[in-house]
Amino acid sequence: MNVIDLHGEVADDWLRYDRFRALGDAQRVLVGSADLEKYPRYFERAQFRLAIDLEPGEAIESVAGWLPRLDLVVLNFSAFADGRAFSQARLLRERFEFSGDIRAQGQVVRDQLAFMHRCGINQFVLEDGEQIESALAALSDISVSYQPEPVRSAG
């Protein structure tokens, strides 16, 4: 599994939260929204950097209060034809002015990378076997668009 941004491969050093496993000296922790809701005091006081993993049907409004604390939002593309994560990305950037990283994972295919980027996604988890150079080239496949670009992070 490779993670890329607009410039190339990026390190994926986020540790998935598991309440049955000690986090040790983890610097970056990825948590599901259910755990975030269940243990809010723990995550409010935590010293590590925080990311959230959202499923396509989850409303951004349900985690809006956490957005200033988050460095990364991971959006799951569960199926090639499921566009809900595209909408989540646009909402994060435009309505909630989220300036952190937004990562696409799951059914992330080359043909949709440029569209994902236009919606505000700036990191992509590539499927096994996907060539990094080909994926980076796909980000510039769309040269003309009709809608304005969303607000983006500095990445």
N, C-alpha and C. Protein backbone atom coordinates (compact mmCIF):
# COMPACT_ATOMS: atom_id res chain seq x y z
N MET A 1 0.84 -1.18 0.00
CA MET A 1 0.00 0.00 0.00
C MET A 1 0.89 1.24 0.00
N ASN A 2 0.68 2.10 -0.97
CA ASN A 2 1.41 3.36 -1.08
C ASN A 2 0.46 4.52 -0.85
N VAL A 3 0.95 5.52 -0.15
CA VAL A 3 0.19 6.76 0.04
C VAL A 3 0.96 7.85 -0.68
N ILE A 4 0.23 8.61 -1.50
CA ILE A 4 0.86 9.71 -2.23
C ILE A 4 0.12 11.00 -1.95
N ASP A 5 0.82 12.10 -2.17
CA ASP A 5 0.18 13.41 -2.22
C ASP A 5 0.52 13.98 -3.59
N LEU A 6 0.40 15.26 -3.78
CA LEU A 6 0.63 15.86 -5.09
C LEU A 6 2.08 15.82 -5.53
N HIS A 7 3.00 15.55 -4.60
CA HIS A 7 4.43 15.61 -4.89
C HIS A 7 5.09 14.24 -4.95
N GLY A 8 4.42 13.20 -4.49
CA GLY A 8 5.02 11.87 -4.49
C GLY A 8 4.57 11.06 -3.29
N GLU A 9 5.34 10.05 -2.99
CA GLU A 9 4.99 9.15 -1.89
C GLU A 9 5.20 9.85 -0.54
N VAL A 10 4.27 9.60 0.39
CA VAL A 10 4.37 10.15 1.74
C VAL A 10 4.37 9.01 2.74
N ALA A 11 5.01 9.25 3.87
CA ALA A 11 5.06 8.24 4.92
C ALA A 11 3.67 8.08 5.54
N ASP A 12 3.32 6.86 5.80
CA ASP A 12 2.05 6.59 6.48
C ASP A 12 2.37 6.10 7.88
N ASP A 13 2.58 7.05 8.79
CA ASP A 13 2.99 6.68 10.15
C ASP A 13 1.85 6.87 11.16
N TRP A 14 0.63 6.80 10.68
CA TRP A 14 -0.54 6.89 11.56
C TRP A 14 -0.82 5.52 12.16
N LEU A 15 -0.95 5.45 13.47
CA LEU A 15 -1.26 4.22 14.18
C LEU A 15 -2.76 4.15 14.41
N ARG A 16 -3.37 3.07 14.00
CA ARG A 16 -4.81 2.87 14.17
C ARG A 16 -5.12 2.65 15.65
N TYR A 17 -6.04 3.43 16.21
CA TYR A 17 -6.42 3.31 17.61
C TYR A 17 -7.15 1.99 17.85
N ASP A 18 -6.76 1.31 18.92
CA ASP A 18 -7.40 0.08 19.37
C ASP A 18 -7.38 0.14 20.89
N ARG A 19 -8.53 0.21 21.51
CA ARG A 19 -8.56 0.39 22.96
C ARG A 19 -7.95 -0.76 23.73
N PHE A 20 -7.70 -1.87 23.08
CA PHE A 20 -7.09 -3.03 23.72
C PHE A 20 -5.58 -3.09 23.54
N ARG A 21 -5.04 -2.11 22.84
CA ARG A 21 -3.60 -2.08 22.59
C ARG A 21 -3.02 -0.75 23.08
N ALA A 22 -1.93 -0.83 23.79
CA ALA A 22 -1.28 0.39 24.27
C ALA A 22 -0.72 1.18 23.10
N LEU A 23 -0.85 2.49 23.16
CA LEU A 23 -0.35 3.36 22.10
C LEU A 23 1.12 3.68 22.27
N GLY A 24 1.65 3.43 23.46
CA GLY A 24 3.06 3.72 23.70
C GLY A 24 3.37 5.18 23.46
N ASP A 25 4.41 5.42 22.70
CA ASP A 25 4.80 6.80 22.41
C ASP A 25 4.35 7.24 21.01
N ALA A 26 3.20 6.74 20.59
CA ALA A 26 2.66 7.09 19.27
C ALA A 26 2.53 8.61 19.13
N GLN A 27 2.96 9.10 17.99
CA GLN A 27 2.88 10.53 17.70
C GLN A 27 1.64 10.90 16.90
N ARG A 28 1.11 9.92 16.16
CA ARG A 28 -0.04 10.16 15.29
C ARG A 28 -1.00 8.99 15.43
N VAL A 29 -2.25 9.28 15.75
CA VAL A 29 -3.23 8.23 15.98
C VAL A 29 -4.46 8.47 15.12
N LEU A 30 -4.86 7.42 14.43
CA LEU A 30 -6.05 7.42 13.57
C LEU A 30 -7.16 6.71 14.32
N VAL A 31 -8.29 7.38 14.48
CA VAL A 31 -9.40 6.84 15.26
C VAL A 31 -10.68 6.86 14.44
N GLY A 32 -11.53 5.89 14.66
CA GLY A 32 -12.85 5.88 14.03
C GLY A 32 -13.78 6.82 14.77
N SER A 33 -14.81 7.28 14.12
CA SER A 33 -15.72 8.24 14.74
C SER A 33 -16.45 7.64 15.93
N ALA A 34 -16.71 6.34 15.93
CA ALA A 34 -17.39 5.71 17.06
C ALA A 34 -16.54 5.79 18.32
N ASP A 35 -15.24 5.53 18.20
CA ASP A 35 -14.36 5.63 19.36
C ASP A 35 -14.19 7.08 19.80
N LEU A 36 -14.15 7.97 18.86
CA LEU A 36 -14.03 9.40 19.19
C LEU A 36 -15.25 9.85 19.99
N GLU A 37 -16.40 9.38 19.60
CA GLU A 37 -17.64 9.72 20.31
C GLU A 37 -17.71 9.03 21.68
N LYS A 38 -17.22 7.81 21.75
CA LYS A 38 -17.31 7.03 22.99
C LYS A 38 -16.31 7.48 24.05
N TYR A 39 -15.12 7.94 23.64
CA TYR A 39 -14.06 8.33 24.57
C TYR A 39 -13.58 9.76 24.33
N PRO A 40 -14.49 10.72 24.31
CA PRO A 40 -14.07 12.09 23.95
C PRO A 40 -13.06 12.69 24.91
N ARG A 41 -13.18 12.45 26.19
CA ARG A 41 -12.24 13.04 27.16
C ARG A 41 -10.82 12.55 26.92
N TYR A 42 -10.69 11.28 26.60
CA TYR A 42 -9.37 10.72 26.33
C TYR A 42 -8.72 11.44 25.15
N PHE A 43 -9.46 11.61 24.08
CA PHE A 43 -8.90 12.23 22.88
C PHE A 43 -8.73 13.74 23.02
N GLU A 44 -9.55 14.37 23.84
CA GLU A 44 -9.36 15.80 24.10
C GLU A 44 -8.04 16.08 24.81
N ARG A 45 -7.66 15.19 25.73
CA ARG A 45 -6.46 15.40 26.53
C ARG A 45 -5.19 14.80 25.91
N ALA A 46 -5.36 13.99 24.90
CA ALA A 46 -4.22 13.29 24.31
C ALA A 46 -3.19 14.26 23.74
N GLN A 47 -1.93 13.87 23.83
CA GLN A 47 -0.83 14.70 23.34
C GLN A 47 -0.44 14.39 21.90
N PHE A 48 -0.93 13.28 21.37
CA PHE A 48 -0.58 12.91 20.00
C PHE A 48 -1.42 13.68 18.99
N ARG A 49 -0.94 13.68 17.74
CA ARG A 49 -1.71 14.26 16.65
C ARG A 49 -2.84 13.30 16.32
N LEU A 50 -3.97 13.83 15.91
CA LEU A 50 -5.18 13.03 15.77
C LEU A 50 -5.73 13.08 14.35
N ALA A 51 -6.19 11.91 13.89
CA ALA A 51 -6.85 11.79 12.59
C ALA A 51 -8.12 10.99 12.79
N ILE A 52 -9.07 11.15 11.88
CA ILE A 52 -10.32 10.40 11.96
C ILE A 52 -10.56 9.67 10.65
N ASP A 53 -11.16 8.51 10.77
CA ASP A 53 -11.50 7.65 9.65
C ASP A 53 -13.02 7.68 9.50
N LEU A 54 -13.52 8.21 8.38
CA LEU A 54 -14.96 8.34 8.16
C LEU A 54 -15.45 7.39 7.08
N GLU A 55 -16.59 6.78 7.34
CA GLU A 55 -17.25 5.94 6.34
C GLU A 55 -18.12 6.83 5.46
N PRO A 56 -18.48 6.36 4.27
CA PRO A 56 -19.24 7.20 3.33
C PRO A 56 -20.56 7.75 3.87
N GLY A 57 -21.25 7.03 4.70
CA GLY A 57 -22.55 7.48 5.19
C GLY A 57 -22.50 8.41 6.39
N GLU A 58 -21.32 8.66 6.93
CA GLU A 58 -21.22 9.49 8.12
C GLU A 58 -21.28 10.98 7.76
N ALA A 59 -22.08 11.70 8.52
CA ALA A 59 -22.24 13.13 8.28
C ALA A 59 -21.05 13.89 8.86
N ILE A 60 -20.52 14.82 8.09
CA ILE A 60 -19.42 15.66 8.55
C ILE A 60 -19.85 16.46 9.78
N GLU A 61 -21.10 16.84 9.82
CA GLU A 61 -21.61 17.62 10.95
C GLU A 61 -21.41 16.89 12.29
N SER A 62 -21.44 15.57 12.27
CA SER A 62 -21.31 14.80 13.51
C SER A 62 -19.90 14.90 14.11
N VAL A 63 -18.91 15.28 13.32
CA VAL A 63 -17.54 15.42 13.82
C VAL A 63 -17.01 16.84 13.67
N ALA A 64 -17.87 17.76 13.32
CA ALA A 64 -17.45 19.14 13.05
C ALA A 64 -16.71 19.76 14.22
N GLY A 65 -17.12 19.48 15.43
CA GLY A 65 -16.47 20.04 16.60
C GLY A 65 -15.04 19.57 16.78
N TRP A 66 -14.70 18.44 16.18
CA TRP A 66 -13.35 17.89 16.28
C TRP A 66 -12.41 18.42 15.20
N LEU A 67 -12.93 19.00 14.15
CA LEU A 67 -12.11 19.39 13.01
C LEU A 67 -10.92 20.28 13.37
N PRO A 68 -11.03 21.25 14.26
CA PRO A 68 -9.85 22.05 14.60
C PRO A 68 -8.73 21.22 15.23
N ARG A 69 -9.07 20.11 15.84
CA ARG A 69 -8.08 19.24 16.51
C ARG A 69 -7.45 18.22 15.55
N LEU A 70 -8.06 18.02 14.39
CA LEU A 70 -7.63 16.97 13.47
C LEU A 70 -6.57 17.46 12.48
N ASP A 71 -5.60 16.59 12.22
CA ASP A 71 -4.60 16.85 11.18
C ASP A 71 -4.95 16.16 9.88
N LEU A 72 -5.77 15.10 9.97
CA LEU A 72 -6.08 14.27 8.81
C LEU A 72 -7.49 13.73 8.94
N VAL A 73 -8.21 13.73 7.82
CA VAL A 73 -9.49 13.05 7.71
C VAL A 73 -9.33 12.02 6.60
N VAL A 74 -9.61 10.76 6.92
CA VAL A 74 -9.54 9.69 5.94
C VAL A 74 -10.96 9.38 5.48
N LEU A 75 -11.18 9.49 4.18
CA LEU A 75 -12.48 9.20 3.60
C LEU A 75 -12.41 7.86 2.88
N ASN A 76 -13.38 7.02 3.13
CA ASN A 76 -13.40 5.68 2.56
C ASN A 76 -14.29 5.63 1.32
N PHE A 77 -13.68 5.27 0.22
CA PHE A 77 -14.40 5.06 -1.03
C PHE A 77 -14.71 3.57 -1.10
N SER A 78 -15.92 3.23 -0.68
CA SER A 78 -16.27 1.82 -0.53
C SER A 78 -16.58 1.12 -1.85
N ALA A 79 -16.97 1.88 -2.85
CA ALA A 79 -17.29 1.31 -4.15
C ALA A 79 -16.96 2.34 -5.23
N PHE A 80 -16.62 1.87 -6.39
CA PHE A 80 -16.24 2.74 -7.50
C PHE A 80 -17.32 3.77 -7.81
N ALA A 81 -18.58 3.37 -7.73
CA ALA A 81 -19.69 4.25 -8.12
C ALA A 81 -20.31 5.01 -6.95
N ASP A 82 -19.75 4.90 -5.75
CA ASP A 82 -20.30 5.57 -4.57
C ASP A 82 -19.65 6.94 -4.44
N GLY A 83 -20.42 8.00 -4.65
CA GLY A 83 -19.87 9.34 -4.66
C GLY A 83 -19.96 10.10 -3.35
N ARG A 84 -20.40 9.44 -2.28
CA ARG A 84 -20.60 10.16 -1.02
C ARG A 84 -19.30 10.74 -0.46
N ALA A 85 -18.19 10.06 -0.63
CA ALA A 85 -16.92 10.58 -0.11
C ALA A 85 -16.47 11.83 -0.87
N PHE A 86 -16.84 11.94 -2.14
CA PHE A 86 -16.58 13.18 -2.89
C PHE A 86 -17.29 14.34 -2.21
N SER A 87 -18.55 14.12 -1.85
CA SER A 87 -19.34 15.15 -1.19
C SER A 87 -18.77 15.48 0.18
N GLN A 88 -18.33 14.48 0.92
CA GLN A 88 -17.71 14.71 2.22
C GLN A 88 -16.49 15.62 2.08
N ALA A 89 -15.67 15.35 1.07
CA ALA A 89 -14.46 16.16 0.85
C ALA A 89 -14.82 17.61 0.55
N ARG A 90 -15.79 17.83 -0.32
CA ARG A 90 -16.20 19.20 -0.65
C ARG A 90 -16.73 19.92 0.59
N LEU A 91 -17.53 19.22 1.37
CA LEU A 91 -18.07 19.83 2.60
C LEU A 91 -16.94 20.20 3.56
N LEU A 92 -16.00 19.30 3.73
CA LEU A 92 -14.88 19.58 4.62
C LEU A 92 -14.15 20.85 4.22
N ARG A 93 -13.85 20.98 2.94
CA ARG A 93 -13.08 22.14 2.46
C ARG A 93 -13.91 23.41 2.39
N GLU A 94 -15.13 23.33 1.88
CA GLU A 94 -15.90 24.54 1.60
C GLU A 94 -16.73 25.00 2.78
N ARG A 95 -17.54 24.14 3.34
CA ARG A 95 -18.42 24.56 4.43
C ARG A 95 -17.68 24.65 5.76
N PHE A 96 -16.83 23.67 6.04
CA PHE A 96 -16.16 23.61 7.34
C PHE A 96 -14.73 24.16 7.30
N GLU A 97 -14.28 24.58 6.13
CA GLU A 97 -12.96 25.21 5.95
C GLU A 97 -11.84 24.40 6.59
N PHE A 98 -11.92 23.08 6.45
CA PHE A 98 -10.88 22.20 6.99
C PHE A 98 -9.61 22.35 6.15
N SER A 99 -8.50 22.67 6.80
CA SER A 99 -7.25 22.91 6.06
C SER A 99 -6.23 21.80 6.25
N GLY A 100 -6.59 20.77 7.00
CA GLY A 100 -5.68 19.64 7.17
C GLY A 100 -5.69 18.74 5.94
N ASP A 101 -5.05 17.61 6.07
CA ASP A 101 -5.01 16.66 4.95
C ASP A 101 -6.30 15.86 4.87
N ILE A 102 -6.72 15.58 3.65
CA ILE A 102 -7.85 14.69 3.40
C ILE A 102 -7.31 13.56 2.53
N ARG A 103 -7.48 12.33 3.03
CA ARG A 103 -6.93 11.15 2.37
C ARG A 103 -8.06 10.26 1.85
N ALA A 104 -7.94 9.84 0.61
CA ALA A 104 -8.87 8.88 0.02
C ALA A 104 -8.29 7.48 0.15
N GLN A 105 -9.10 6.54 0.61
CA GLN A 105 -8.66 5.15 0.67
C GLN A 105 -9.82 4.25 0.25
N GLY A 106 -9.50 3.03 -0.09
CA GLY A 106 -10.52 2.08 -0.54
C GLY A 106 -10.45 1.94 -2.04
N GLN A 107 -11.57 2.16 -2.71
CA GLN A 107 -11.63 2.06 -4.17
C GLN A 107 -11.11 3.36 -4.79
N VAL A 108 -9.80 3.55 -4.68
CA VAL A 108 -9.14 4.73 -5.23
C VAL A 108 -8.50 4.29 -6.54
N VAL A 109 -9.13 4.70 -7.64
CA VAL A 109 -8.65 4.26 -8.95
C VAL A 109 -8.14 5.46 -9.74
N ARG A 110 -7.20 5.18 -10.61
CA ARG A 110 -6.53 6.22 -11.38
C ARG A 110 -7.50 7.15 -12.09
N ASP A 111 -8.56 6.60 -12.66
CA ASP A 111 -9.51 7.40 -13.44
C ASP A 111 -10.23 8.46 -12.61
N GLN A 112 -10.25 8.30 -11.29
CA GLN A 112 -10.97 9.26 -10.45
C GLN A 112 -10.06 10.18 -9.65
N LEU A 113 -8.76 10.01 -9.73
CA LEU A 113 -7.84 10.80 -8.90
C LEU A 113 -7.98 12.30 -9.14
N ALA A 114 -8.08 12.72 -10.39
CA ALA A 114 -8.21 14.15 -10.67
C ALA A 114 -9.52 14.70 -10.11
N PHE A 115 -10.60 13.92 -10.18
CA PHE A 115 -11.87 14.36 -9.62
C PHE A 115 -11.78 14.46 -8.10
N MET A 116 -11.12 13.48 -7.49
CA MET A 116 -10.93 13.51 -6.04
C MET A 116 -10.16 14.77 -5.63
N HIS A 117 -9.11 15.05 -6.39
CA HIS A 117 -8.30 16.25 -6.10
C HIS A 117 -9.14 17.51 -6.24
N ARG A 118 -9.98 17.59 -7.28
CA ARG A 118 -10.83 18.76 -7.47
C ARG A 118 -11.80 18.96 -6.31
N CYS A 119 -12.12 17.90 -5.60
CA CYS A 119 -13.04 17.98 -4.45
C CYS A 119 -12.31 18.34 -3.16
N GLY A 120 -10.99 18.41 -3.20
CA GLY A 120 -10.24 18.82 -2.02
C GLY A 120 -9.39 17.74 -1.39
N ILE A 121 -9.38 16.57 -1.95
CA ILE A 121 -8.57 15.48 -1.42
C ILE A 121 -7.13 15.70 -1.86
N ASN A 122 -6.19 15.59 -0.92
CA ASN A 122 -4.79 15.83 -1.27
C ASN A 122 -3.87 14.66 -0.97
N GLN A 123 -4.41 13.55 -0.46
CA GLN A 123 -3.63 12.32 -0.27
C GLN A 123 -4.46 11.15 -0.76
N PHE A 124 -3.76 10.14 -1.27
CA PHE A 124 -4.44 9.01 -1.89
C PHE A 124 -3.73 7.72 -1.51
N VAL A 125 -4.50 6.73 -1.08
CA VAL A 125 -3.94 5.40 -0.82
C VAL A 125 -4.15 4.60 -2.10
N LEU A 126 -3.06 4.21 -2.72
CA LEU A 126 -3.14 3.49 -3.99
C LEU A 126 -3.34 2.01 -3.76
N GLU A 127 -4.07 1.40 -4.67
CA GLU A 127 -4.26 -0.04 -4.62
C GLU A 127 -2.93 -0.73 -4.90
N ASP A 128 -2.78 -1.93 -4.37
CA ASP A 128 -1.56 -2.69 -4.63
C ASP A 128 -1.35 -2.83 -6.13
N GLY A 129 -0.14 -2.58 -6.56
CA GLY A 129 0.21 -2.70 -7.97
C GLY A 129 0.07 -1.40 -8.74
N GLU A 130 -0.60 -0.41 -8.18
CA GLU A 130 -0.76 0.89 -8.87
C GLU A 130 0.59 1.60 -8.88
N GLN A 131 0.99 2.08 -10.03
CA GLN A 131 2.26 2.77 -10.18
C GLN A 131 2.15 4.21 -9.69
N ILE A 132 3.08 4.62 -8.86
CA ILE A 132 3.06 5.97 -8.29
C ILE A 132 3.16 7.02 -9.39
N GLU A 133 4.04 6.84 -10.33
CA GLU A 133 4.22 7.82 -11.41
C GLU A 133 2.94 7.98 -12.23
N SER A 134 2.27 6.88 -12.51
CA SER A 134 1.03 6.92 -13.26
C SER A 134 -0.06 7.64 -12.47
N ALA A 135 -0.13 7.39 -11.17
CA ALA A 135 -1.12 8.05 -10.33
C ALA A 135 -0.85 9.55 -10.26
N LEU A 136 0.40 9.94 -10.12
CA LEU A 136 0.74 11.36 -10.08
C LEU A 136 0.37 12.06 -11.39
N ALA A 137 0.61 11.37 -12.49
CA ALA A 137 0.25 11.94 -13.80
C ALA A 137 -1.27 12.09 -13.93
N ALA A 138 -2.02 11.18 -13.31
CA ALA A 138 -3.48 11.22 -13.39
C ALA A 138 -4.06 12.46 -12.70
N LEU A 139 -3.32 13.00 -11.76
CA LEU A 139 -3.81 14.18 -11.05
C LEU A 139 -3.95 15.40 -11.94
N SER A 140 -3.27 15.39 -13.07
CA SER A 140 -3.38 16.52 -14.00
C SER A 140 -4.16 16.14 -15.27
N ASP A 141 -4.92 15.06 -15.22
CA ASP A 141 -5.71 14.64 -16.38
C ASP A 141 -6.78 15.65 -16.77
N ILE A 142 -7.32 16.36 -15.81
CA ILE A 142 -8.37 17.34 -16.10
C ILE A 142 -7.72 18.72 -16.15
N SER A 143 -7.76 19.33 -17.33
CA SER A 143 -7.11 20.64 -17.48
C SER A 143 -8.10 21.79 -17.44
N VAL A 144 -9.38 21.50 -17.63
CA VAL A 144 -10.41 22.54 -17.62
C VAL A 144 -11.54 22.06 -16.72
N SER A 145 -12.04 22.97 -15.88
CA SER A 145 -13.17 22.61 -15.02
C SER A 145 -14.14 23.77 -14.97
N TYR A 146 -15.38 23.44 -14.64
CA TYR A 146 -16.44 24.45 -14.63
C TYR A 146 -16.71 25.00 -13.24
N GLN A 147 -16.42 24.25 -12.22
CA GLN A 147 -16.65 24.71 -10.86
C GLN A 147 -15.36 25.25 -10.27
N PRO A 148 -15.46 26.16 -9.30
CA PRO A 148 -14.25 26.68 -8.66
C PRO A 148 -13.59 25.61 -7.80
N GLU A 149 -12.30 25.77 -7.59
CA GLU A 149 -11.58 24.84 -6.73
C GLU A 149 -11.94 25.11 -5.28
N PRO A 150 -11.98 24.07 -4.46
CA PRO A 150 -12.23 24.28 -3.04
C PRO A 150 -11.02 24.87 -2.34
N VAL A 151 -11.23 25.39 -1.16
CA VAL A 151 -10.13 25.87 -0.33
C VAL A 151 -9.23 24.69 -0.03
N ARG A 152 -7.93 24.87 -0.08
CA ARG A 152 -6.99 23.77 0.11
C ARG A 152 -6.02 24.06 1.24
N SER A 153 -5.45 22.97 1.71
CA SER A 153 -4.37 23.12 2.69
C SER A 153 -3.10 23.52 1.94
N ALA A 154 -2.07 23.82 2.67
CA ALA A 154 -0.80 24.24 2.07
C ALA A 154 -0.04 23.09 1.48
N GLY A 155 -0.56 21.86 1.46
CA GLY A 155 0.17 20.69 0.96
C GLY A 155 0.13 20.62 -0.47
